[in-house]
Amino acid sequence: MGWTNMLQQLSVWSVTLPFLAGLFRWRSLAGVRAAAWALTAAALFPQLIRFVIRERSVENALYNAYTIVEYTIMTVLLYRLAGCRHKHVFSLLTAGFIGYAAGLYTRQSVTARFWYEMACYDNLVYTGLILWIIYRQMDAQRFVLRRHDEAFWFVASILVYAPVSLFALSLWPWMGMPDPPLVVRAAKMVNDVANTILYLGFTIGLCATSEAVPVNTLKHDI
């Protein structure tokens, strides 16, 4: 097995680590941890169903549906990490997703490009929300993301994963080529590493002994 295949398999099955960590510590699954574990459970489902239903069309449909599920759960996770008390923020995120999807659909219907561009939009939102969370903590003049805190691992792992995934997925037109350019192959490998880092970070966060400190308790609310 070459490095490419090894990194790909590691990326695919690393999701089992936070899933099992959540089962082991199921009594502590609440708030941010519950959202993080739900995300890993949703990501694991398409991987496991491949052993039951071996139809490419069904597999593609499940992965495409996960794009919507991931956005929903991830925004809830980041919303809770930010500690924002106003529901209009989450409503705007939901409206933005629906509006962008509707705009893409009117231009090109539901194609492979549609799902790739939706995934790029998702990761752009994740990156923006993570940077917003970090900014709010710095603006509060008290940076509370410490390594023993579950929030540190969730924020750090998403901060690594989202921009890398955004860049890799933006190269989708070249991914299906028989012999893609070197930069595309390299981006795919880096994305596999970032995906593994995401789930390793979630695993540590789910096992952390300290709960997240909502950002809005530091200085001001938004």
Protein backbone atom coordinates (compact mmCIF):
# COMPACT_ATOMS: atom_id res chain seq x y z
CA MET A 1 0.00 0.00 0.00
CA GLY A 2 1.46 3.37 -1.07
CA TRP A 3 1.49 6.57 0.96
CA THR A 4 -1.54 7.92 -0.89
CA ASN A 5 -3.72 4.89 -0.12
CA MET A 6 -2.46 4.69 3.45
CA LEU A 7 -3.29 8.34 4.16
CA GLN A 8 -6.68 7.92 2.52
CA GLN A 9 -7.60 4.90 4.63
CA LEU A 10 -6.32 6.62 7.76
CA SER A 11 -8.45 9.64 6.92
CA VAL A 12 -11.54 7.53 6.29
CA TRP A 13 -11.38 5.42 9.44
CA SER A 14 -9.96 7.97 11.90
CA VAL A 15 -13.57 8.99 12.54
CA THR A 16 -14.02 5.80 14.56
CA LEU A 17 -11.73 7.18 17.31
CA PRO A 18 -13.96 10.09 18.47
CA PHE A 19 -17.04 7.94 17.94
CA LEU A 20 -15.71 5.29 20.34
CA ALA A 21 -14.43 7.97 22.74
CA GLY A 22 -17.95 9.40 22.87
CA LEU A 23 -19.44 5.99 23.59
CA PHE A 24 -16.89 5.45 26.35
CA ARG A 25 -17.75 8.81 27.92
CA TRP A 26 -21.41 8.95 26.99
CA ARG A 27 -22.41 10.32 30.39
CA SER A 28 -20.49 13.53 29.64
CA LEU A 29 -22.04 14.04 26.20
CA ALA A 30 -23.80 17.39 26.52
CA GLY A 31 -23.59 20.76 24.83
CA VAL A 32 -20.45 21.09 22.71
CA ARG A 33 -19.42 17.48 23.26
CA ALA A 34 -22.81 16.17 22.16
CA ALA A 35 -22.59 18.16 18.91
CA ALA A 36 -19.01 16.97 18.27
CA TRP A 37 -19.96 13.33 18.83
CA ALA A 38 -23.08 13.65 16.65
CA LEU A 39 -20.86 14.94 13.85
CA THR A 40 -18.56 11.91 14.07
CA ALA A 41 -21.53 9.53 14.20
CA ALA A 42 -22.97 11.12 11.06
CA ALA A 43 -19.59 10.88 9.31
CA LEU A 44 -19.14 7.23 10.26
CA PHE A 45 -22.51 6.10 8.93
CA PRO A 46 -21.65 6.34 5.18
CA GLN A 47 -18.42 4.44 5.83
CA LEU A 48 -20.19 1.54 7.54
CA ILE A 49 -23.13 1.36 5.16
CA ARG A 50 -20.73 0.52 2.32
CA PHE A 51 -20.32 -2.95 3.80
CA VAL A 52 -24.10 -3.51 3.62
CA ILE A 53 -25.12 -1.76 0.41
CA ARG A 54 -22.54 -2.06 -2.35
CA GLU A 55 -24.13 0.26 -4.88
CA ARG A 56 -22.18 3.28 -6.06
CA SER A 57 -25.30 5.38 -6.51
CA VAL A 58 -26.41 4.79 -2.91
CA GLU A 59 -22.90 5.50 -1.63
CA ASN A 60 -22.77 8.80 -3.53
CA ALA A 61 -26.22 9.78 -2.28
CA LEU A 62 -25.17 9.17 1.34
CA TYR A 63 -21.99 11.20 0.99
CA ASN A 64 -23.91 14.02 -0.67
CA ALA A 65 -26.52 13.99 2.10
CA TYR A 66 -23.69 14.16 4.64
CA THR A 67 -22.73 17.56 3.19
CA ILE A 68 -26.04 18.92 4.51
CA VAL A 69 -25.87 17.02 7.81
CA GLU A 70 -22.28 18.11 8.45
CA TYR A 71 -23.11 21.78 7.88
CA THR A 72 -26.06 21.62 10.25
CA ILE A 73 -24.19 19.91 13.08
CA MET A 74 -20.94 21.83 12.58
CA THR A 75 -22.69 25.20 12.75
CA VAL A 76 -24.45 24.09 15.95
CA LEU A 77 -21.06 23.02 17.37
CA LEU A 78 -19.39 26.33 16.48
CA TYR A 79 -22.45 28.28 17.62
CA ARG A 80 -22.15 26.66 21.05
CA LEU A 81 -18.39 27.14 21.18
CA ALA A 82 -18.92 30.83 20.50
CA GLY A 83 -21.47 30.96 23.31
CA CYS A 84 -23.71 33.24 21.27
CA ARG A 85 -27.12 33.69 22.90
CA HIS A 86 -28.93 35.23 19.97
CA LYS A 87 -30.60 32.76 17.64
CA HIS A 88 -30.49 35.16 14.70
CA VAL A 89 -26.84 34.22 14.10
CA PHE A 90 -27.76 30.57 13.55
CA SER A 91 -30.76 31.65 11.46
CA LEU A 92 -28.48 33.70 9.20
CA LEU A 93 -26.14 30.74 8.76
CA THR A 94 -29.07 28.52 7.82
CA ALA A 95 -30.50 31.10 5.41
CA GLY A 96 -27.08 31.55 3.82
CA PHE A 97 -26.75 27.81 3.20
CA ILE A 98 -30.23 27.52 1.70
CA GLY A 99 -29.77 30.65 -0.41
CA TYR A 100 -26.41 29.52 -1.79
CA ALA A 101 -27.76 26.04 -2.55
CA ALA A 102 -30.78 27.53 -4.33
CA GLY A 103 -28.54 29.80 -6.38
CA LEU A 104 -26.35 26.89 -7.47
CA TYR A 105 -29.38 24.76 -8.29
CA THR A 106 -30.89 27.38 -10.58
CA ARG A 107 -27.61 27.59 -12.51
CA GLN A 108 -26.61 23.94 -12.84
CA SER A 109 -29.13 21.64 -11.14
CA VAL A 110 -27.82 18.91 -8.83
CA THR A 111 -24.53 17.77 -10.32
CA ALA A 112 -21.13 16.75 -8.98
CA ARG A 113 -20.10 20.40 -9.24
CA PHE A 114 -23.11 21.37 -7.10
CA TRP A 115 -21.99 19.16 -4.19
CA TYR A 116 -18.33 20.16 -4.46
CA GLU A 117 -19.21 23.84 -4.43
CA MET A 118 -21.55 23.33 -1.48
CA ALA A 119 -18.74 21.59 0.42
CA CYS A 120 -16.43 24.53 -0.38
CA TYR A 121 -19.07 26.96 0.91
CA ASP A 122 -19.41 24.91 4.10
CA ASN A 123 -15.69 25.00 4.82
CA LEU A 124 -15.52 28.71 4.09
CA VAL A 125 -18.21 29.26 6.74
CA TYR A 126 -16.40 27.00 9.24
CA THR A 127 -13.16 28.93 8.74
CA GLY A 128 -14.93 32.25 9.22
CA LEU A 129 -16.68 31.11 12.38
CA ILE A 130 -13.49 29.74 13.91
CA LEU A 131 -11.65 33.00 13.21
CA TRP A 132 -14.60 34.89 14.72
CA ILE A 133 -14.41 32.79 17.88
CA ILE A 134 -10.67 33.44 18.21
CA TYR A 135 -11.18 37.17 17.55
CA ARG A 136 -13.85 37.43 20.25
CA GLN A 137 -11.54 35.84 22.78
CA MET A 138 -8.67 38.14 21.85
CA ASP A 139 -11.03 41.14 21.91
CA ALA A 140 -12.06 40.11 25.42
CA GLN A 141 -8.37 40.40 26.42
CA ARG A 142 -8.48 36.96 27.94
CA PHE A 143 -7.61 34.06 25.67
CA VAL A 144 -9.10 31.02 27.40
CA LEU A 145 -8.41 28.30 24.81
CA ARG A 146 -5.98 26.13 26.77
CA ARG A 147 -4.77 22.63 25.95
CA HIS A 148 -6.65 21.00 28.84
CA ASP A 149 -9.92 22.57 27.65
CA GLU A 150 -12.18 20.69 25.23
CA ALA A 151 -12.78 23.92 23.26
CA PHE A 152 -9.07 24.18 22.39
CA TRP A 153 -9.05 20.81 20.63
CA PHE A 154 -12.32 21.40 18.78
CA VAL A 155 -11.30 24.89 17.63
CA ALA A 156 -7.71 23.93 16.73
CA SER A 157 -8.67 20.82 14.75
CA ILE A 158 -11.42 22.61 12.78
CA LEU A 159 -9.04 25.53 12.12
CA VAL A 160 -6.60 23.07 10.52
CA TYR A 161 -9.24 21.06 8.65
CA ALA A 162 -11.58 23.69 7.18
CA PRO A 163 -9.17 25.85 5.10
CA VAL A 164 -7.23 22.80 3.88
CA SER A 165 -10.45 21.08 2.84
CA LEU A 166 -11.65 24.27 1.16
CA PHE A 167 -8.49 24.45 -0.96
CA ALA A 168 -8.49 20.74 -1.82
CA LEU A 169 -12.16 20.64 -2.81
CA SER A 170 -11.76 23.75 -4.96
CA LEU A 171 -9.55 21.62 -7.22
CA TRP A 172 -12.35 19.13 -7.89
CA PRO A 173 -12.37 19.56 -11.72
CA TRP A 174 -8.91 17.96 -11.83
CA MET A 175 -9.50 15.25 -9.22
CA GLY A 176 -11.25 12.88 -11.62
CA MET A 177 -8.49 12.96 -14.18
CA PRO A 178 -6.62 9.67 -14.82
CA ASP A 179 -3.33 11.42 -14.08
CA PRO A 180 -4.08 14.61 -12.10
CA PRO A 181 -1.41 17.32 -11.72
CA LEU A 182 1.06 17.04 -8.87
CA VAL A 183 -0.51 19.93 -6.97
CA VAL A 184 -3.89 18.14 -7.00
CA ARG A 185 -2.39 14.88 -5.71
CA ALA A 186 -0.49 16.80 -3.03
CA ALA A 187 -3.63 18.72 -2.00
CA LYS A 188 -5.54 15.43 -1.69
CA MET A 189 -2.86 13.96 0.57
CA VAL A 190 -2.70 17.08 2.74
CA ASN A 191 -6.49 17.04 2.97
CA ASP A 192 -6.40 13.42 4.16
CA VAL A 193 -3.90 14.44 6.86
CA ALA A 194 -6.07 17.41 7.89
CA ASN A 195 -9.14 15.17 8.09
CA THR A 196 -7.24 12.78 10.36
CA ILE A 197 -6.11 15.71 12.53
CA LEU A 198 -9.74 16.82 12.80
CA TYR A 199 -10.88 13.53 14.26
CA LEU A 200 -7.83 13.14 16.48
CA GLY A 201 -8.58 16.60 17.88
CA PHE A 202 -12.21 15.63 18.42
CA THR A 203 -11.08 12.48 20.23
CA ILE A 204 -8.91 14.46 22.64
CA GLY A 205 -11.66 17.06 23.09
CA LEU A 206 -14.22 14.39 23.96
CA CYS A 207 -11.80 12.95 26.51
CA ALA A 208 -10.83 16.34 27.99
CA THR A 209 -11.54 16.87 31.68
CA SER A 210 -12.29 20.59 31.38
CA GLU A 211 -15.44 21.87 29.72
CA ALA A 212 -15.52 24.74 27.26
CA VAL A 213 -15.83 28.29 28.56
CA PRO A 214 -18.40 30.21 26.47
CA VAL A 215 -16.79 33.22 24.84
CA ASN A 216 -19.68 35.52 25.73
CA THR A 217 -18.99 35.12 29.46
CA LEU A 218 -15.66 36.94 29.09
CA LYS A 219 -16.60 40.45 28.15
CA HIS A 220 -19.65 41.02 25.99
CA ASP A 221 -22.41 39.21 24.19
CA ILE A 222 -23.28 39.24 20.51
